[in-house]
């Protein structure tokens, strides 16, 4: 890590130590693609370990619960970037099933399908039936709302949700909130939550104590990564203002098909790899879109995310695992709407 970035991180840690606020769940700021690290707390300091070192027979031990995030399966896509996205989704499921400690639930952060066709959702459902974790939570991506403004998505995955599919649930002291920022999305435009959902979110969070760990998940990043490609949510600042009083907040997103992480105060932002195809790093291509890589490298840039929650330390350890990684991954738990 460059000295300048390390100095910034050290300063952030110093600021956290000096402001009298317990930043439980703080993750060190980093961005990378196709690698696997787990970040957790040790004596108040973030510590990282290589994925391969934590995914042996003792993987997942010591955690109170964990869950797996998958994203951007794009079932129905068949272009050169990946002519068989169902196969790579199955590889992701096999990786989940190989985990030594069964995950309690899976969160899918959108773009289940390529064209929101019934046959694509059918294929996804059939594949996910083979996952060891039977409880699955979904939020839609823009590709899931192409043909009917998301009606079919809501019928299949949105029972019991509000509006276009937003909802919340609690599990073992952690409050999870699934948000929808892809309704009425313009091509290349920024995501949007909208007035009704923001009002609901504010009301939903009011009843929670400041010590409650919060996990927000949505398809498009809730932080501005690259506005020229629409990689951000235009009203996310208002949403994030509602979580400032909480001591531990984790935000999980998809959409950009690559891992990026950053920390702002006590909020840790994380975007996941796709199970279908990679996209270019921000600004490195004329536009966003499927990126073709050599066939033998594809599974190195696709993957899953394992989040392990430690109640005792109020920390969330996030592990990103490329599909081509030989190690197995994760464990987890949950309840609420959206089960497949």
Protein backbone atom coordinates (compact mmCIF):
# COMPACT_ATOMS: atom_id res chain seq x y z
CA UNK A 1 0.00 0.00 0.00
CA UNK A 2 1.46 3.43 -0.90
CA UNK A 3 2.73 5.45 2.04
CA UNK A 4 0.31 8.29 1.28
CA UNK A 5 -2.74 6.01 1.50
CA UNK A 6 -1.38 4.32 4.62
CA UNK A 7 -0.89 7.74 6.23
CA UNK A 8 -4.50 8.63 5.45
CA UNK A 9 -5.77 5.40 6.96
CA UNK A 10 -3.60 5.86 10.03
CA UNK A 11 -4.98 9.40 10.41
CA UNK A 12 -8.55 8.05 10.11
CA UNK A 13 -7.82 5.53 12.83
CA UNK A 14 -6.30 8.26 15.01
CA UNK A 15 -9.38 10.44 14.45
CA UNK A 16 -11.62 7.56 15.46
CA UNK A 17 -9.61 6.98 18.63
CA UNK A 18 -9.78 10.65 19.58
CA UNK A 19 -13.47 11.44 19.06
CA UNK A 20 -14.82 9.28 21.88
CA UNK A 21 -17.10 7.29 19.54
CA UNK A 22 -16.88 3.50 19.46
CA UNK A 23 -16.60 2.67 15.74
CA UNK A 24 -17.40 -1.01 16.11
CA UNK A 25 -17.32 -2.75 12.77
CA UNK A 26 -14.86 -0.27 11.24
CA UNK A 27 -13.15 -1.74 8.17
CA UNK A 28 -9.95 -0.35 6.74
CA UNK A 29 -10.45 1.51 3.44
CA UNK A 30 -9.31 -0.40 0.40
CA UNK A 31 -10.21 -1.08 -3.21
CA UNK A 32 -9.15 -4.03 -5.32
CA UNK A 33 -10.45 -6.51 -7.87
CA UNK A 34 -10.40 -10.28 -7.87
CA UNK A 35 -8.63 -10.85 -4.58
CA UNK A 36 -9.70 -12.28 -1.23
CA UNK A 37 -9.11 -10.66 2.13
CA UNK A 38 -11.01 -10.76 5.40
CA UNK A 39 -11.15 -7.67 7.57
CA UNK A 40 -12.05 -7.95 11.23
CA UNK A 41 -11.39 -6.17 14.50
CA UNK A 42 -8.61 -7.12 16.88
CA UNK A 43 -8.11 -4.96 19.95
CA UNK A 44 -9.84 -2.09 18.17
CA UNK A 45 -7.54 -2.21 15.14
CA UNK A 46 -8.60 -3.59 11.74
CA UNK A 47 -6.63 -6.71 10.81
CA UNK A 48 -6.55 -8.46 7.43
CA UNK A 49 -5.80 -12.04 6.54
CA UNK A 50 -5.50 -13.63 3.11
CA UNK A 51 -8.59 -15.53 2.06
CA UNK A 52 -6.73 -18.78 1.57
CA UNK A 53 -5.54 -18.68 5.19
CA UNK A 54 -9.02 -18.38 6.68
CA UNK A 55 -10.94 -20.88 4.59
CA UNK A 56 -9.68 -24.17 5.87
CA UNK A 57 -11.48 -26.46 8.31
CA UNK A 58 -11.63 -23.70 10.94
CA UNK A 59 -13.25 -21.17 8.57
CA UNK A 60 -16.21 -19.43 10.13
CA UNK A 61 -15.44 -20.51 13.69
CA UNK A 62 -15.67 -17.81 16.32
CA UNK A 63 -18.44 -15.97 14.48
CA UNK A 64 -21.92 -15.63 15.89
CA UNK A 65 -23.38 -15.84 12.40
CA UNK A 66 -22.47 -15.17 8.80
CA UNK A 67 -24.10 -14.88 5.40
CA UNK A 68 -23.10 -14.81 1.75
CA UNK A 69 -23.65 -12.05 -0.80
CA UNK A 70 -23.91 -12.88 -4.50
CA UNK A 71 -24.67 -10.37 -7.23
CA UNK A 72 -25.25 -9.73 -10.91
CA UNK A 73 -25.99 -13.24 -12.14
CA UNK A 74 -27.44 -11.89 -15.42
CA UNK A 75 -29.12 -15.19 -16.30
CA UNK A 76 -29.87 -15.07 -20.04
CA UNK A 77 -26.67 -13.21 -20.99
CA UNK A 78 -24.76 -15.15 -23.67
CA UNK A 79 -22.21 -12.78 -25.20
CA UNK A 80 -18.45 -13.49 -25.51
CA UNK A 81 -17.70 -12.03 -22.04
CA UNK A 82 -19.35 -15.19 -20.66
CA UNK A 83 -21.40 -17.46 -22.94
CA UNK A 84 -22.59 -19.60 -20.00
CA UNK A 85 -23.56 -17.47 -17.00
CA UNK A 86 -25.65 -20.29 -15.56
CA UNK A 87 -22.51 -22.41 -15.25
CA UNK A 88 -20.60 -19.70 -13.38
CA UNK A 89 -23.59 -19.16 -11.07
CA UNK A 90 -23.52 -22.88 -10.39
CA UNK A 91 -19.81 -22.61 -9.62
CA UNK A 92 -20.64 -19.90 -7.07
CA UNK A 93 -23.32 -22.12 -5.52
CA UNK A 94 -20.88 -25.04 -5.38
CA UNK A 95 -18.41 -22.79 -3.59
CA UNK A 96 -21.07 -21.82 -1.04
CA UNK A 97 -22.01 -25.46 -0.55
CA UNK A 98 -18.36 -26.40 0.03
CA UNK A 99 -18.06 -24.06 2.99
CA UNK A 100 -17.23 -25.97 6.18
CA UNK A 101 -19.92 -24.03 8.06
CA UNK A 102 -23.26 -23.74 6.26
CA UNK A 103 -24.33 -20.12 5.69
CA UNK A 104 -27.63 -19.19 7.28
CA UNK A 105 -28.76 -17.08 4.36
CA UNK A 106 -27.79 -15.54 1.03
CA UNK A 107 -28.32 -11.95 -0.10
CA UNK A 108 -28.55 -11.38 -3.87
CA UNK A 109 -27.94 -7.71 -4.69
CA UNK A 110 -29.71 -7.62 -8.03
CA UNK A 111 -29.54 -8.21 -11.77
CA UNK A 112 -30.76 -11.75 -11.26
CA UNK A 113 -31.70 -11.80 -14.96
CA UNK A 114 -30.51 -10.19 -18.17
CA UNK A 115 -33.88 -9.25 -19.70
CA UNK A 116 -36.34 -9.97 -16.86
CA UNK A 117 -37.81 -12.92 -18.77
CA UNK A 118 -39.79 -15.62 -16.98
CA UNK A 119 -37.46 -18.28 -18.36
CA UNK A 120 -34.43 -16.47 -16.91
CA UNK A 121 -35.99 -16.22 -13.46
CA UNK A 122 -36.95 -19.91 -13.74
CA UNK A 123 -33.33 -20.85 -14.46
CA UNK A 124 -32.08 -18.77 -11.54
CA UNK A 125 -34.63 -20.30 -9.16
CA UNK A 126 -33.70 -23.80 -10.24
CA UNK A 127 -30.00 -23.14 -9.67
CA UNK A 128 -30.54 -21.54 -6.24
CA UNK A 129 -32.60 -24.52 -5.09
CA UNK A 130 -29.29 -26.36 -4.92
CA UNK A 131 -27.74 -23.89 -2.47
CA UNK A 132 -27.14 -25.12 1.07
CA UNK A 133 -28.65 -21.89 2.44
CA UNK A 134 -32.38 -22.04 1.74
CA UNK A 135 -33.24 -18.51 2.92
CA UNK A 136 -32.42 -15.99 0.21
CA UNK A 137 -33.06 -12.25 0.25
CA UNK A 138 -33.23 -10.26 -2.98
CA UNK A 139 -33.21 -6.68 -4.19
CA UNK A 140 -33.75 -5.94 -7.89
CA UNK A 141 -31.25 -4.64 -10.40
CA UNK A 142 -32.26 -2.60 -13.43
CA UNK A 143 -32.16 -5.73 -15.60
CA UNK A 144 -34.90 -7.25 -13.41
CA UNK A 145 -37.27 -4.37 -14.23
CA UNK A 146 -36.86 -4.10 -18.01
CA UNK A 147 -40.01 -5.63 -19.44
CA UNK A 148 -42.79 -4.95 -16.93
CA UNK A 149 -41.48 -2.33 -14.49
CA UNK A 150 -40.55 -5.10 -12.08
CA UNK A 151 -43.98 -6.71 -11.69
CA UNK A 152 -42.73 -10.25 -12.30
CA UNK A 153 -39.77 -9.69 -9.98
CA UNK A 154 -42.13 -8.51 -7.22
CA UNK A 155 -44.45 -11.48 -7.68
CA UNK A 156 -41.56 -13.91 -7.36
CA UNK A 157 -39.22 -12.26 -4.87
CA UNK A 158 -41.02 -9.28 -3.37
CA UNK A 159 -43.87 -10.76 -1.35
CA UNK A 160 -44.34 -8.76 1.85
CA UNK A 161 -42.16 -5.86 0.70
CA UNK A 162 -43.04 -2.17 0.36
CA UNK A 163 -43.25 -0.06 -2.80
CA UNK A 164 -40.93 -1.36 -5.51
CA UNK A 165 -39.55 -4.05 -3.21
CA UNK A 166 -37.89 -2.47 -0.19
CA UNK A 167 -38.04 -4.09 3.24
CA UNK A 168 -36.13 -4.72 6.47
CA UNK A 169 -35.60 -7.57 8.91
CA UNK A 170 -33.70 -8.27 12.11
CA UNK A 171 -31.38 -11.13 12.86
CA UNK A 172 -29.49 -11.76 16.09
CA UNK A 173 -29.32 -8.10 16.96
CA UNK A 174 -28.44 -6.85 13.47
CA UNK A 175 -30.93 -4.79 11.44
CA UNK A 176 -30.88 -5.45 7.68
CA UNK A 177 -32.47 -3.10 5.14
CA UNK A 178 -32.99 -4.00 1.47
CA UNK A 179 -33.33 -0.88 -0.70
CA UNK A 180 -34.37 -0.38 -4.34
CA UNK A 181 -32.51 2.28 -6.35
CA UNK A 182 -33.17 1.06 -9.91
CA UNK A 183 -36.81 2.04 -10.51
CA UNK A 184 -37.25 4.31 -13.56
CA UNK A 185 -33.50 4.19 -14.20
CA UNK A 186 -32.31 5.97 -17.33
CA UNK A 187 -29.53 4.38 -19.39
CA UNK A 188 -26.23 5.45 -17.84
CA UNK A 189 -28.08 7.43 -15.19
CA UNK A 190 -27.52 7.45 -11.44
CA UNK A 191 -29.64 5.31 -9.17
CA UNK A 192 -32.40 6.89 -7.10
CA UNK A 193 -34.27 5.89 -3.94
CA UNK A 194 -37.09 8.40 -4.20
CA UNK A 195 -39.16 10.31 -1.65
CA UNK A 196 -41.45 7.49 -0.52
CA UNK A 197 -38.63 5.05 0.14
CA UNK A 198 -36.54 7.66 1.94
CA UNK A 199 -39.46 8.48 4.23
CA UNK A 200 -39.96 4.79 4.93
CA UNK A 201 -36.23 4.33 5.65
CA UNK A 202 -36.15 7.23 8.09
CA UNK A 203 -39.16 5.83 9.92
CA UNK A 204 -37.76 2.27 9.87
CA UNK A 205 -34.50 3.33 11.49
CA UNK A 206 -36.04 5.60 14.14
CA UNK A 207 -37.04 2.65 16.31
CA UNK A 208 -33.49 1.25 16.43
CA UNK A 209 -31.01 2.10 19.17
CA UNK A 210 -27.72 3.69 18.13
CA UNK A 211 -25.87 0.55 19.23
CA UNK A 212 -27.75 -1.64 16.70
CA UNK A 213 -25.47 -2.78 13.85
CA UNK A 214 -27.04 -1.82 10.51
CA UNK A 215 -26.58 -3.53 7.13
CA UNK A 216 -27.98 -1.74 4.07
CA UNK A 217 -28.02 -3.55 0.74
CA UNK A 218 -29.06 -2.31 -2.70
CA UNK A 219 -28.06 -2.92 -6.31
CA UNK A 220 -26.40 0.35 -7.37
CA UNK A 221 -23.71 1.63 -4.98
CA UNK A 222 -24.97 4.00 -2.28
CA UNK A 223 -21.74 5.97 -2.65
CA UNK A 224 -20.60 7.84 -5.76
CA UNK A 225 -17.94 5.81 -7.52
CA UNK A 226 -18.06 7.12 -11.11
CA UNK A 227 -21.01 9.37 -12.02
CA UNK A 228 -20.12 9.43 -15.74
CA UNK A 229 -21.19 5.77 -15.83
CA UNK A 230 -24.06 6.17 -13.39
CA UNK A 231 -22.14 4.36 -10.66
CA UNK A 232 -23.80 5.98 -7.68
CA UNK A 233 -27.18 6.98 -6.21
CA UNK A 234 -28.20 10.61 -6.54
CA UNK A 235 -30.13 10.83 -3.25
CA UNK A 236 -27.92 8.51 -1.20
CA UNK A 237 -26.65 11.40 0.92
CA UNK A 238 -30.11 11.82 2.45
CA UNK A 239 -30.37 8.08 3.11
CA UNK A 240 -26.95 8.00 4.73
CA UNK A 241 -27.86 10.97 6.96
CA UNK A 242 -30.33 8.67 8.73
CA UNK A 243 -27.58 6.26 9.80
CA UNK A 244 -25.06 8.75 11.19
CA UNK A 245 -26.05 8.03 14.79
CA UNK A 246 -25.34 4.29 14.50
CA UNK A 247 -22.03 2.86 15.68
CA UNK A 248 -21.67 0.14 13.02
CA UNK A 249 -23.01 0.41 9.47
CA UNK A 250 -22.15 -1.81 6.52
CA UNK A 251 -23.40 -1.07 2.99
CA UNK A 252 -23.38 -3.91 0.42
CA UNK A 253 -23.92 -3.27 -3.29
CA UNK A 254 -23.41 -4.84 -6.71
CA UNK A 255 -23.89 -3.36 -10.21
CA UNK A 256 -20.26 -2.54 -11.02
CA UNK A 257 -19.07 -6.19 -11.11
CA UNK A 258 -15.87 -5.56 -9.16
CA UNK A 259 -14.76 -5.16 -5.58
CA UNK A 260 -14.41 -1.68 -4.17
CA UNK A 261 -14.36 -0.70 -0.53
CA UNK A 262 -14.18 2.56 1.33
CA UNK A 263 -14.91 3.84 4.81
CA UNK A 264 -16.50 7.15 5.75
CA UNK A 265 -16.46 7.53 9.51
CA UNK A 266 -18.34 4.54 10.87
CA UNK A 267 -19.86 3.46 7.54
CA UNK A 268 -18.14 0.71 5.54
CA UNK A 269 -19.08 0.50 1.84
CA UNK A 270 -18.49 -2.65 -0.18
CA UNK A 271 -19.32 -3.63 -3.76
CA UNK A 272 -19.23 -7.26 -4.88
CA UNK A 273 -17.95 -9.15 -7.87
CA UNK A 274 -20.49 -10.55 -10.32
CA UNK A 275 -21.10 -14.25 -10.89
CA UNK A 276 -21.48 -13.51 -14.64
CA UNK A 277 -18.85 -11.19 -16.15
CA UNK A 278 -16.46 -8.40 -15.14
CA UNK A 279 -16.71 -4.73 -16.05
CA UNK A 280 -13.85 -2.26 -16.62
CA UNK A 281 -12.42 -0.29 -13.75
CA UNK A 282 -13.93 3.23 -13.60
CA UNK A 283 -12.74 5.44 -16.43
CA UNK A 284 -10.53 2.81 -18.06
CA UNK A 285 -12.86 2.22 -21.04
CA UNK A 286 -15.17 4.38 -23.18
CA UNK A 287 -18.16 3.08 -21.22
CA UNK A 288 -19.27 0.49 -18.69
CA UNK A 289 -20.33 -2.92 -19.93
CA UNK A 290 -19.31 -6.58 -20.18
CA UNK A 291 -15.54 -7.01 -20.39
CA UNK A 292 -14.06 -10.03 -22.13
CA UNK A 293 -11.05 -11.64 -20.48
CA UNK A 294 -9.20 -14.83 -21.49
CA UNK A 295 -11.33 -17.87 -20.70
CA UNK A 296 -8.79 -19.24 -18.23
CA UNK A 297 -8.94 -15.98 -16.25
CA UNK A 298 -12.73 -15.50 -16.12
CA UNK A 299 -13.34 -17.19 -12.78
CA UNK A 300 -10.64 -15.06 -11.17
CA UNK A 301 -12.74 -11.92 -11.73
CA UNK A 302 -16.08 -13.45 -10.67
CA UNK A 303 -16.94 -14.32 -7.11
CA UNK A 304 -18.96 -14.31 -3.92
CA UNK A 305 -18.78 -12.33 -0.68
CA UNK A 306 -18.93 -13.87 2.80
CA UNK A 307 -19.83 -11.66 5.76
CA UNK A 308 -19.07 -13.07 9.20
CA UNK A 309 -20.64 -11.23 12.15
CA UNK A 310 -19.09 -11.28 15.60
CA UNK A 311 -21.61 -10.12 18.19
CA UNK A 312 -19.05 -9.86 20.96
CA UNK A 313 -17.01 -7.27 19.07
CA UNK A 314 -19.84 -5.90 16.90
CA UNK A 315 -17.60 -6.48 13.87
CA UNK A 316 -18.35 -7.56 10.33
CA UNK A 317 -15.58 -9.48 8.60
CA UNK A 318 -15.96 -9.41 4.82
CA UNK A 319 -14.30 -12.06 2.66
CA UNK A 320 -14.32 -11.85 -1.13
CA UNK A 321 -13.69 -15.12 -2.89
CA UNK A 322 -13.06 -15.38 -6.63
CA UNK A 323 -14.76 -18.38 -8.20
CA UNK A 324 -11.36 -19.55 -9.39
CA UNK A 325 -9.97 -19.57 -5.85
CA UNK A 326 -9.37 -23.08 -4.57
CA UNK A 327 -10.46 -22.23 -1.02
CA UNK A 328 -14.05 -22.63 0.11
CA UNK A 329 -15.98 -19.76 1.72
CA UNK A 330 -18.33 -18.48 4.49
CA UNK A 331 -21.20 -19.22 6.84
CA UNK A 332 -24.49 -17.27 7.77
CA UNK A 333 -28.15 -16.81 9.10
CA UNK A 334 -31.41 -14.82 8.57
CA UNK A 335 -35.18 -14.42 8.07
CA UNK A 336 -37.72 -12.18 6.29
CA UNK A 337 -39.23 -11.66 2.83
CA UNK A 338 -37.58 -12.71 -0.38
CA UNK A 339 -36.94 -16.43 0.10
CA UNK A 340 -36.75 -18.34 -3.15
